[in-house]
């Protein structure tokens, strides 16, 4: 049974759990900023924040996608993903191809150079990851990943229900 202090702090019997989830969310946010800084230093993330690795990864795993589809997978705007796509086209990592399902919305596809860069970046990420969490076992990491994914889904559902959500 929850203590009176927990009930008072959160307005319900679920105070300890609510505080634990809030603490986890704040730690994940802090971790994100640390990861982003590391990603910028290693080239996995561009200096303006665009995740070229994530963009290339989406194409490598899912095949050609439209810019709006890529933007929809991320908490960002289509315009921001268009800017990143244009940057990656200029570097020869992706190209625009005709979309059989839509005349005006082109598909973005990896080039050979882009696939090679993705594989190189993925190897780099795995090298970094292999030296982290040395005191954790794989089962703990897998469980934590599942918990984070569940929270992401919960946040997404809550965001979709909130009024004033940009379209």
N, C-alpha and C. Protein backbone atom coordinates (compact mmCIF):
# COMPACT_ATOMS: atom_id res chain seq x y z
N UNK A 1 0.84 -1.19 0.00
CA UNK A 1 0.00 0.00 0.00
C UNK A 1 0.88 1.24 0.00
N UNK A 2 0.50 2.25 -0.76
CA UNK A 2 1.28 3.48 -0.87
C UNK A 2 1.19 4.27 0.42
N UNK A 3 2.26 4.94 0.73
CA UNK A 3 2.27 5.76 1.94
C UNK A 3 1.47 7.03 1.72
N UNK A 4 1.11 7.70 2.83
CA UNK A 4 0.35 8.96 2.74
C UNK A 4 1.18 10.01 2.01
N UNK A 5 2.50 9.99 2.22
CA UNK A 5 3.38 10.95 1.56
C UNK A 5 3.30 10.77 0.04
N UNK A 6 3.31 9.53 -0.45
CA UNK A 6 3.22 9.27 -1.88
C UNK A 6 1.87 9.72 -2.43
N UNK A 7 0.80 9.47 -1.69
CA UNK A 7 -0.53 9.87 -2.13
C UNK A 7 -0.60 11.39 -2.25
N UNK A 8 -0.03 12.10 -1.30
CA UNK A 8 -0.08 13.55 -1.29
C UNK A 8 0.74 14.15 -2.43
N UNK A 9 1.93 13.59 -2.66
CA UNK A 9 2.81 14.14 -3.69
C UNK A 9 2.21 14.02 -5.08
N UNK A 10 1.53 12.93 -5.36
CA UNK A 10 1.07 12.69 -6.72
C UNK A 10 -0.43 12.67 -6.86
N UNK A 11 -1.14 12.73 -5.77
CA UNK A 11 -2.59 12.74 -5.84
C UNK A 11 -3.20 11.37 -6.03
N UNK A 12 -2.46 10.30 -5.77
CA UNK A 12 -3.02 8.96 -5.94
C UNK A 12 -2.17 7.90 -5.28
N UNK A 13 -2.63 6.66 -5.38
CA UNK A 13 -1.93 5.54 -4.78
C UNK A 13 -0.70 5.13 -5.58
N UNK A 14 -0.53 5.67 -6.75
CA UNK A 14 0.50 5.23 -7.66
C UNK A 14 1.74 6.12 -7.59
N UNK A 15 1.94 6.84 -6.50
CA UNK A 15 3.00 7.83 -6.38
C UNK A 15 4.39 7.32 -6.63
N UNK A 16 4.75 6.20 -6.03
CA UNK A 16 6.09 5.66 -6.21
C UNK A 16 6.37 5.30 -7.65
N UNK A 17 5.42 4.66 -8.27
CA UNK A 17 5.58 4.27 -9.68
C UNK A 17 5.63 5.51 -10.56
N UNK A 18 4.75 6.46 -10.31
CA UNK A 18 4.72 7.69 -11.10
C UNK A 18 6.05 8.43 -10.99
N UNK A 19 6.58 8.53 -9.79
CA UNK A 19 7.87 9.20 -9.59
C UNK A 19 8.98 8.43 -10.27
N UNK A 20 8.93 7.10 -10.23
CA UNK A 20 9.95 6.29 -10.89
C UNK A 20 9.91 6.49 -12.40
N UNK A 21 8.71 6.54 -12.98
CA UNK A 21 8.58 6.76 -14.42
C UNK A 21 9.05 8.16 -14.78
N UNK A 22 8.67 9.15 -13.99
CA UNK A 22 9.12 10.52 -14.25
C UNK A 22 10.64 10.60 -14.19
N UNK A 23 11.24 9.96 -13.20
CA UNK A 23 12.70 9.94 -13.07
C UNK A 23 13.34 9.25 -14.28
N UNK A 24 12.76 8.14 -14.71
CA UNK A 24 13.27 7.44 -15.89
C UNK A 24 13.19 8.33 -17.12
N UNK A 25 12.06 9.01 -17.32
CA UNK A 25 11.91 9.88 -18.49
C UNK A 25 12.96 11.00 -18.47
N UNK A 26 13.20 11.57 -17.30
CA UNK A 26 14.21 12.63 -17.20
C UNK A 26 15.61 12.10 -17.48
N UNK A 27 15.90 10.91 -17.01
CA UNK A 27 17.21 10.29 -17.26
C UNK A 27 17.37 9.95 -18.74
N UNK A 28 16.30 9.49 -19.38
CA UNK A 28 16.35 9.19 -20.81
C UNK A 28 16.61 10.48 -21.59
N UNK A 29 15.96 11.56 -21.20
CA UNK A 29 16.18 12.85 -21.86
C UNK A 29 17.64 13.27 -21.72
N UNK A 30 18.18 13.16 -20.52
CA UNK A 30 19.58 13.50 -20.30
C UNK A 30 20.49 12.61 -21.14
N UNK A 31 20.18 11.33 -21.17
CA UNK A 31 20.95 10.39 -21.98
C UNK A 31 20.89 10.78 -23.45
N UNK A 32 19.70 11.17 -23.92
CA UNK A 32 19.55 11.61 -25.31
C UNK A 32 20.50 12.76 -25.63
N UNK A 33 20.56 13.76 -24.76
CA UNK A 33 21.42 14.92 -25.03
C UNK A 33 22.89 14.51 -25.04
N UNK A 34 23.26 13.60 -24.16
CA UNK A 34 24.64 13.10 -24.14
C UNK A 34 24.94 12.31 -25.41
N UNK A 35 23.98 11.48 -25.84
CA UNK A 35 24.14 10.70 -27.07
C UNK A 35 24.23 11.64 -28.27
N UNK A 36 23.40 12.67 -28.30
CA UNK A 36 23.42 13.62 -29.41
C UNK A 36 24.78 14.31 -29.49
N UNK A 37 25.32 14.72 -28.35
CA UNK A 37 26.63 15.37 -28.34
C UNK A 37 27.71 14.40 -28.86
N UNK A 38 27.67 13.17 -28.41
CA UNK A 38 28.62 12.16 -28.88
C UNK A 38 28.42 11.91 -30.38
N UNK A 39 27.17 11.85 -30.81
CA UNK A 39 26.87 11.65 -32.22
C UNK A 39 27.40 12.77 -33.09
N UNK A 40 27.34 14.00 -32.59
CA UNK A 40 27.87 15.13 -33.34
C UNK A 40 29.40 15.05 -33.42
N UNK A 41 30.03 14.63 -32.34
CA UNK A 41 31.50 14.49 -32.34
C UNK A 41 31.95 13.38 -33.28
N UNK A 42 31.16 12.33 -33.41
CA UNK A 42 31.56 11.18 -34.22
C UNK A 42 31.02 11.22 -35.64
N UNK A 43 30.17 12.22 -35.96
CA UNK A 43 29.64 12.34 -37.31
C UNK A 43 28.35 11.56 -37.53
N UNK A 44 27.83 10.89 -36.52
CA UNK A 44 26.58 10.16 -36.67
C UNK A 44 25.39 11.13 -36.74
N UNK A 45 25.59 12.35 -36.23
CA UNK A 45 24.55 13.38 -36.24
C UNK A 45 25.19 14.65 -36.79
N UNK A 46 24.50 15.35 -37.68
CA UNK A 46 25.05 16.58 -38.25
C UNK A 46 25.06 17.68 -37.20
N UNK A 47 25.84 18.71 -37.47
CA UNK A 47 26.01 19.80 -36.49
C UNK A 47 24.70 20.52 -36.19
N UNK A 48 23.76 20.56 -37.13
CA UNK A 48 22.49 21.26 -36.88
C UNK A 48 21.46 20.33 -36.27
N UNK A 49 21.85 19.09 -35.97
CA UNK A 49 20.95 18.19 -35.25
C UNK A 49 20.31 17.11 -36.10
N UNK A 50 20.44 17.21 -37.42
CA UNK A 50 19.83 16.20 -38.28
C UNK A 50 20.54 14.87 -38.13
N UNK A 51 19.81 13.84 -37.97
CA UNK A 51 20.38 12.51 -37.78
C UNK A 51 20.61 11.82 -39.10
N UNK A 52 21.74 12.09 -39.74
CA UNK A 52 22.01 11.44 -41.02
C UNK A 52 22.09 9.93 -40.86
N UNK A 53 22.64 9.46 -39.75
CA UNK A 53 22.70 8.01 -39.52
C UNK A 53 21.29 7.43 -39.44
N UNK A 54 20.41 8.06 -38.67
CA UNK A 54 19.04 7.57 -38.54
C UNK A 54 18.30 7.59 -39.87
N UNK A 55 18.53 8.63 -40.65
CA UNK A 55 17.91 8.76 -41.96
C UNK A 55 18.37 7.63 -42.86
N UNK A 56 19.69 7.42 -42.93
CA UNK A 56 20.25 6.35 -43.76
C UNK A 56 19.80 4.98 -43.25
N UNK A 57 19.73 4.84 -41.94
CA UNK A 57 19.32 3.57 -41.34
C UNK A 57 17.88 3.22 -41.74
N UNK A 58 17.00 4.21 -41.72
CA UNK A 58 15.61 3.97 -42.12
C UNK A 58 15.55 3.44 -43.55
N UNK A 59 16.32 4.05 -44.43
CA UNK A 59 16.33 3.62 -45.82
C UNK A 59 16.96 2.24 -45.98
N UNK A 60 18.01 1.97 -45.21
CA UNK A 60 18.68 0.67 -45.29
C UNK A 60 17.76 -0.45 -44.80
N UNK A 61 16.98 -0.18 -43.76
CA UNK A 61 16.12 -1.21 -43.19
C UNK A 61 14.78 -1.33 -43.90
N UNK A 62 14.23 -0.21 -44.37
CA UNK A 62 12.87 -0.21 -44.92
C UNK A 62 12.81 -0.04 -46.43
N UNK A 63 13.90 0.34 -47.03
CA UNK A 63 13.89 0.60 -48.47
C UNK A 63 13.48 2.03 -48.75
N UNK A 64 13.27 2.36 -50.03
CA UNK A 64 12.93 3.74 -50.40
C UNK A 64 11.67 4.24 -49.70
N UNK A 65 11.74 5.49 -49.23
CA UNK A 65 10.63 6.14 -48.53
C UNK A 65 10.50 7.57 -49.02
N UNK A 66 9.34 8.16 -48.83
CA UNK A 66 9.16 9.58 -49.12
C UNK A 66 9.68 10.38 -47.93
N UNK A 67 10.00 11.63 -48.17
CA UNK A 67 10.43 12.51 -47.07
C UNK A 67 9.34 12.60 -45.99
N UNK A 68 8.04 12.78 -46.37
CA UNK A 68 7.01 12.81 -45.33
C UNK A 68 6.96 11.52 -44.50
N UNK A 69 7.18 10.37 -45.12
CA UNK A 69 7.19 9.11 -44.37
C UNK A 69 8.33 9.09 -43.36
N UNK A 70 9.50 9.56 -43.77
CA UNK A 70 10.66 9.59 -42.87
C UNK A 70 10.38 10.56 -41.72
N UNK A 71 9.81 11.71 -42.03
CA UNK A 71 9.51 12.70 -40.99
C UNK A 71 8.48 12.16 -40.00
N UNK A 72 7.52 11.41 -40.50
CA UNK A 72 6.47 10.85 -39.65
C UNK A 72 7.03 9.87 -38.62
N UNK A 73 8.14 9.23 -38.95
CA UNK A 73 8.76 8.27 -38.03
C UNK A 73 9.52 8.96 -36.91
N UNK A 74 9.71 10.25 -37.04
CA UNK A 74 10.52 11.00 -36.07
C UNK A 74 9.71 12.16 -35.51
N UNK A 75 10.12 12.65 -34.38
CA UNK A 75 9.43 13.84 -33.85
C UNK A 75 10.02 15.10 -34.48
N UNK A 76 9.83 15.24 -35.79
CA UNK A 76 10.37 16.39 -36.49
C UNK A 76 9.48 16.74 -37.69
N UNK A 77 9.79 17.84 -38.31
CA UNK A 77 8.96 18.31 -39.42
C UNK A 77 9.43 17.73 -40.75
N UNK A 78 8.52 17.76 -41.70
CA UNK A 78 8.86 17.34 -43.06
C UNK A 78 9.93 18.25 -43.64
N UNK A 79 9.85 19.54 -43.33
CA UNK A 79 10.82 20.50 -43.85
C UNK A 79 12.24 20.18 -43.36
N UNK A 80 12.34 19.80 -42.11
CA UNK A 80 13.66 19.45 -41.55
C UNK A 80 14.22 18.21 -42.24
N UNK A 81 13.36 17.22 -42.48
CA UNK A 81 13.81 16.00 -43.15
C UNK A 81 14.12 16.28 -44.62
N UNK A 82 13.39 17.23 -45.23
CA UNK A 82 13.70 17.61 -46.61
C UNK A 82 15.09 18.22 -46.68
N UNK A 83 15.41 19.06 -45.73
CA UNK A 83 16.74 19.69 -45.68
C UNK A 83 17.81 18.63 -45.56
N UNK A 84 17.59 17.65 -44.70
CA UNK A 84 18.56 16.57 -44.52
C UNK A 84 18.66 15.73 -45.80
N UNK A 85 17.52 15.43 -46.41
CA UNK A 85 17.54 14.66 -47.66
C UNK A 85 18.34 15.40 -48.73
N UNK A 86 18.11 16.69 -48.86
CA UNK A 86 18.84 17.49 -49.85
C UNK A 86 20.35 17.48 -49.57
N UNK A 87 20.71 17.56 -48.29
CA UNK A 87 22.12 17.49 -47.88
C UNK A 87 22.73 16.15 -48.28
N UNK A 88 22.00 15.08 -48.02
CA UNK A 88 22.49 13.73 -48.32
C UNK A 88 22.56 13.49 -49.83
N UNK A 89 21.64 14.09 -50.60
CA UNK A 89 21.70 14.02 -52.06
C UNK A 89 22.98 14.71 -52.54
N UNK A 90 23.26 15.90 -51.98
CA UNK A 90 24.46 16.66 -52.38
C UNK A 90 25.74 15.87 -52.09
N UNK A 91 25.71 15.04 -51.05
CA UNK A 91 26.87 14.21 -50.71
C UNK A 91 26.91 12.91 -51.51
N UNK A 92 25.86 12.65 -52.29
CA UNK A 92 25.80 11.44 -53.10
C UNK A 92 25.42 10.19 -52.31
N UNK A 93 24.83 10.38 -51.12
CA UNK A 93 24.48 9.24 -50.26
C UNK A 93 23.08 8.71 -50.54
N UNK A 94 22.20 9.58 -51.02
CA UNK A 94 20.84 9.18 -51.39
C UNK A 94 20.51 9.85 -52.71
N UNK A 95 19.44 9.35 -53.33
CA UNK A 95 18.95 9.97 -54.55
C UNK A 95 17.43 9.92 -54.53
N UNK A 96 16.83 10.84 -55.28
CA UNK A 96 15.38 10.86 -55.43
C UNK A 96 15.03 10.02 -56.65
N UNK A 97 14.02 9.17 -56.49
CA UNK A 97 13.55 8.35 -57.60
C UNK A 97 12.04 8.52 -57.72
N UNK A 98 11.51 8.17 -58.88
CA UNK A 98 10.07 8.27 -59.09
C UNK A 98 9.33 7.35 -58.13
N UNK A 99 8.17 7.84 -57.72
CA UNK A 99 7.31 7.09 -56.81
C UNK A 99 6.11 6.59 -57.61
N UNK A 100 5.99 5.29 -57.78
CA UNK A 100 4.87 4.78 -58.58
C UNK A 100 3.50 5.06 -57.95
N UNK A 101 3.47 5.36 -56.65
CA UNK A 101 2.20 5.60 -55.97
C UNK A 101 1.81 7.08 -55.92
N UNK A 102 2.74 7.96 -56.31
CA UNK A 102 2.47 9.40 -56.20
C UNK A 102 3.36 10.14 -57.20
N UNK A 103 2.74 10.96 -58.03
CA UNK A 103 3.50 11.65 -59.07
C UNK A 103 4.47 12.70 -58.53
N UNK A 104 4.05 13.43 -57.52
CA UNK A 104 4.86 14.56 -57.05
C UNK A 104 5.77 14.22 -55.88
N UNK A 105 5.42 13.25 -55.07
CA UNK A 105 6.22 12.92 -53.89
C UNK A 105 7.23 11.82 -54.25
N UNK A 106 8.46 12.24 -54.49
CA UNK A 106 9.52 11.31 -54.87
C UNK A 106 9.89 10.41 -53.70
N UNK A 107 10.48 9.29 -54.03
CA UNK A 107 11.03 8.39 -53.02
C UNK A 107 12.51 8.73 -52.84
N UNK A 108 13.00 8.54 -51.62
CA UNK A 108 14.42 8.72 -51.33
C UNK A 108 15.00 7.32 -51.22
N UNK A 109 16.11 7.10 -51.93
CA UNK A 109 16.73 5.78 -51.96
C UNK A 109 18.23 5.91 -51.68
N UNK A 110 18.77 4.94 -50.97
CA UNK A 110 20.21 4.91 -50.74
C UNK A 110 20.95 4.69 -52.06
N UNK A 111 22.08 5.34 -52.21
CA UNK A 111 22.98 5.03 -53.31
C UNK A 111 23.98 3.99 -52.79
N UNK A 112 24.81 3.47 -53.66
CA UNK A 112 25.86 2.54 -53.19
C UNK A 112 26.76 3.22 -52.17
N UNK A 113 27.10 4.46 -52.47
CA UNK A 113 27.93 5.23 -51.54
C UNK A 113 27.20 5.41 -50.20
N UNK A 114 25.89 5.65 -50.26
CA UNK A 114 25.09 5.80 -49.05
C UNK A 114 25.02 4.52 -48.25
N UNK A 115 24.86 3.40 -48.94
CA UNK A 115 24.83 2.11 -48.25
C UNK A 115 26.17 1.83 -47.57
N UNK A 116 27.26 2.13 -48.28
CA UNK A 116 28.59 1.94 -47.70
C UNK A 116 28.78 2.85 -46.48
N UNK A 117 28.32 4.10 -46.58
CA UNK A 117 28.45 5.04 -45.45
C UNK A 117 27.62 4.56 -44.28
N UNK A 118 26.39 4.08 -44.55
CA UNK A 118 25.55 3.56 -43.47
C UNK A 118 26.25 2.39 -42.77
N UNK A 119 26.78 1.45 -43.53
CA UNK A 119 27.46 0.29 -42.92
C UNK A 119 28.67 0.73 -42.10
N UNK A 120 29.40 1.72 -42.60
CA UNK A 120 30.54 2.27 -41.87
C UNK A 120 30.10 2.93 -40.56
N UNK A 121 29.04 3.73 -40.64
CA UNK A 121 28.53 4.42 -39.45
C UNK A 121 27.98 3.41 -38.45
N UNK A 122 27.29 2.39 -38.94
CA UNK A 122 26.74 1.36 -38.06
C UNK A 122 27.86 0.62 -37.34
N UNK A 123 28.94 0.30 -38.05
CA UNK A 123 30.10 -0.35 -37.43
C UNK A 123 30.70 0.56 -36.35
N UNK A 124 30.76 1.84 -36.66
CA UNK A 124 31.29 2.81 -35.70
C UNK A 124 30.41 2.87 -34.44
N UNK A 125 29.10 2.89 -34.66
CA UNK A 125 28.17 2.90 -33.53
C UNK A 125 28.34 1.64 -32.68
N UNK A 126 28.44 0.48 -33.33
CA UNK A 126 28.62 -0.78 -32.59
C UNK A 126 29.94 -0.79 -31.83
N UNK A 127 30.97 -0.20 -32.39
CA UNK A 127 32.26 -0.12 -31.69
C UNK A 127 32.13 0.73 -30.43
N UNK A 128 31.42 1.84 -30.55
CA UNK A 128 31.18 2.70 -29.39
C UNK A 128 30.35 1.94 -28.35
N UNK A 129 29.27 1.32 -28.82
CA UNK A 129 28.36 0.61 -27.91
C UNK A 129 29.04 -0.56 -27.21
N UNK A 130 30.00 -1.18 -27.86
CA UNK A 130 30.66 -2.35 -27.27
C UNK A 130 31.48 -1.99 -26.04
N UNK A 131 31.83 -0.72 -25.90
CA UNK A 131 32.62 -0.31 -24.74
C UNK A 131 31.77 0.35 -23.66
N UNK A 132 30.47 0.32 -23.83
CA UNK A 132 29.57 0.95 -22.86
C UNK A 132 28.81 -0.12 -22.08
N UNK A 133 28.30 0.25 -20.91
CA UNK A 133 27.47 -0.65 -20.12
C UNK A 133 28.16 -1.95 -19.76
N UNK A 134 29.43 -1.86 -19.47
CA UNK A 134 30.21 -3.08 -19.21
C UNK A 134 29.73 -3.86 -17.99
N UNK A 135 29.05 -3.22 -17.06
CA UNK A 135 28.56 -3.93 -15.88
C UNK A 135 27.16 -4.49 -16.07
N UNK A 136 26.55 -4.22 -17.22
CA UNK A 136 25.20 -4.70 -17.50
C UNK A 136 25.26 -6.00 -18.30
N UNK A 137 24.29 -6.89 -18.05
CA UNK A 137 24.24 -8.07 -18.90
C UNK A 137 23.21 -7.85 -20.00
N UNK A 138 23.28 -8.66 -21.03
CA UNK A 138 22.43 -8.47 -22.21
C UNK A 138 20.94 -8.50 -21.87
N UNK A 139 20.54 -9.39 -20.97
CA UNK A 139 19.12 -9.49 -20.60
C UNK A 139 18.61 -8.18 -19.99
N UNK A 140 19.43 -7.54 -19.14
CA UNK A 140 19.05 -6.26 -18.55
C UNK A 140 18.87 -5.19 -19.63
N UNK A 141 19.76 -5.19 -20.59
CA UNK A 141 19.71 -4.20 -21.66
C UNK A 141 18.47 -4.42 -22.52
N UNK A 142 18.19 -5.68 -22.86
CA UNK A 142 17.02 -6.00 -23.67
C UNK A 142 15.74 -5.61 -22.93
N UNK A 143 15.68 -5.90 -21.65
CA UNK A 143 14.50 -5.54 -20.85
C UNK A 143 14.32 -4.03 -20.80
N UNK A 144 15.40 -3.31 -20.58
CA UNK A 144 15.33 -1.85 -20.53
C UNK A 144 14.88 -1.28 -21.87
N UNK A 145 15.38 -1.83 -22.96
CA UNK A 145 14.97 -1.40 -24.29
C UNK A 145 13.46 -1.58 -24.47
N UNK A 146 12.94 -2.70 -24.01
CA UNK A 146 11.50 -2.95 -24.09
C UNK A 146 10.70 -1.94 -23.28
N UNK A 147 11.19 -1.61 -22.10
CA UNK A 147 10.52 -0.63 -21.25
C UNK A 147 10.52 0.74 -21.93
N UNK A 148 11.65 1.14 -22.49
CA UNK A 148 11.74 2.43 -23.17
C UNK A 148 10.78 2.46 -24.36
N UNK A 149 10.72 1.37 -25.13
CA UNK A 149 9.80 1.32 -26.27
C UNK A 149 8.35 1.45 -25.82
N UNK A 150 8.02 0.81 -24.71
CA UNK A 150 6.65 0.92 -24.19
C UNK A 150 6.35 2.36 -23.79
N UNK A 151 7.29 3.02 -23.15
CA UNK A 151 7.09 4.42 -22.77
C UNK A 151 6.98 5.32 -24.00
N UNK A 152 7.77 5.03 -25.04
CA UNK A 152 7.68 5.80 -26.28
C UNK A 152 6.27 5.67 -26.85
N UNK A 153 5.75 4.45 -26.89
CA UNK A 153 4.38 4.24 -27.39
C UNK A 153 3.36 4.99 -26.55
N UNK A 154 3.52 4.95 -25.21
CA UNK A 154 2.60 5.66 -24.32
C UNK A 154 2.65 7.17 -24.57
N UNK A 155 3.86 7.71 -24.72
CA UNK A 155 4.00 9.15 -24.97
C UNK A 155 3.38 9.50 -26.32
N UNK A 156 3.60 8.67 -27.32
CA UNK A 156 3.03 8.92 -28.66
C UNK A 156 1.51 8.95 -28.60
N UNK A 157 0.92 7.97 -27.92
CA UNK A 157 -0.55 7.92 -27.80
C UNK A 157 -1.07 9.15 -27.08
N UNK A 158 -0.40 9.54 -26.01
CA UNK A 158 -0.83 10.72 -25.24
C UNK A 158 -0.72 11.97 -26.10
N UNK A 159 0.37 12.10 -26.87
CA UNK A 159 0.56 13.26 -27.73
C UNK A 159 -0.52 13.35 -28.79
N UNK A 160 -0.90 12.20 -29.34
CA UNK A 160 -1.93 12.18 -30.38
C UNK A 160 -3.29 12.60 -29.86
N UNK A 161 -3.54 12.37 -28.57
CA UNK A 161 -4.83 12.73 -27.98
C UNK A 161 -4.90 14.18 -27.54
N UNK A 162 -3.76 14.85 -27.43
CA UNK A 162 -3.74 16.21 -26.90
C UNK A 162 -4.21 17.21 -27.94
N UNK A 163 -5.01 18.19 -27.52
CA UNK A 163 -5.46 19.23 -28.45
C UNK A 163 -4.30 20.14 -28.84
N UNK A 164 -4.43 20.77 -30.00
CA UNK A 164 -3.42 21.72 -30.42
C UNK A 164 -2.21 21.06 -31.03
N UNK A 165 -2.29 19.78 -31.31
CA UNK A 165 -1.17 19.06 -31.90
C UNK A 165 -0.97 19.53 -33.33
N UNK A 166 0.26 19.93 -33.69
CA UNK A 166 0.49 20.37 -35.07
C UNK A 166 0.30 19.23 -36.04
N UNK A 167 -0.20 19.55 -37.23
CA UNK A 167 -0.43 18.48 -38.21
C UNK A 167 0.72 18.33 -39.17
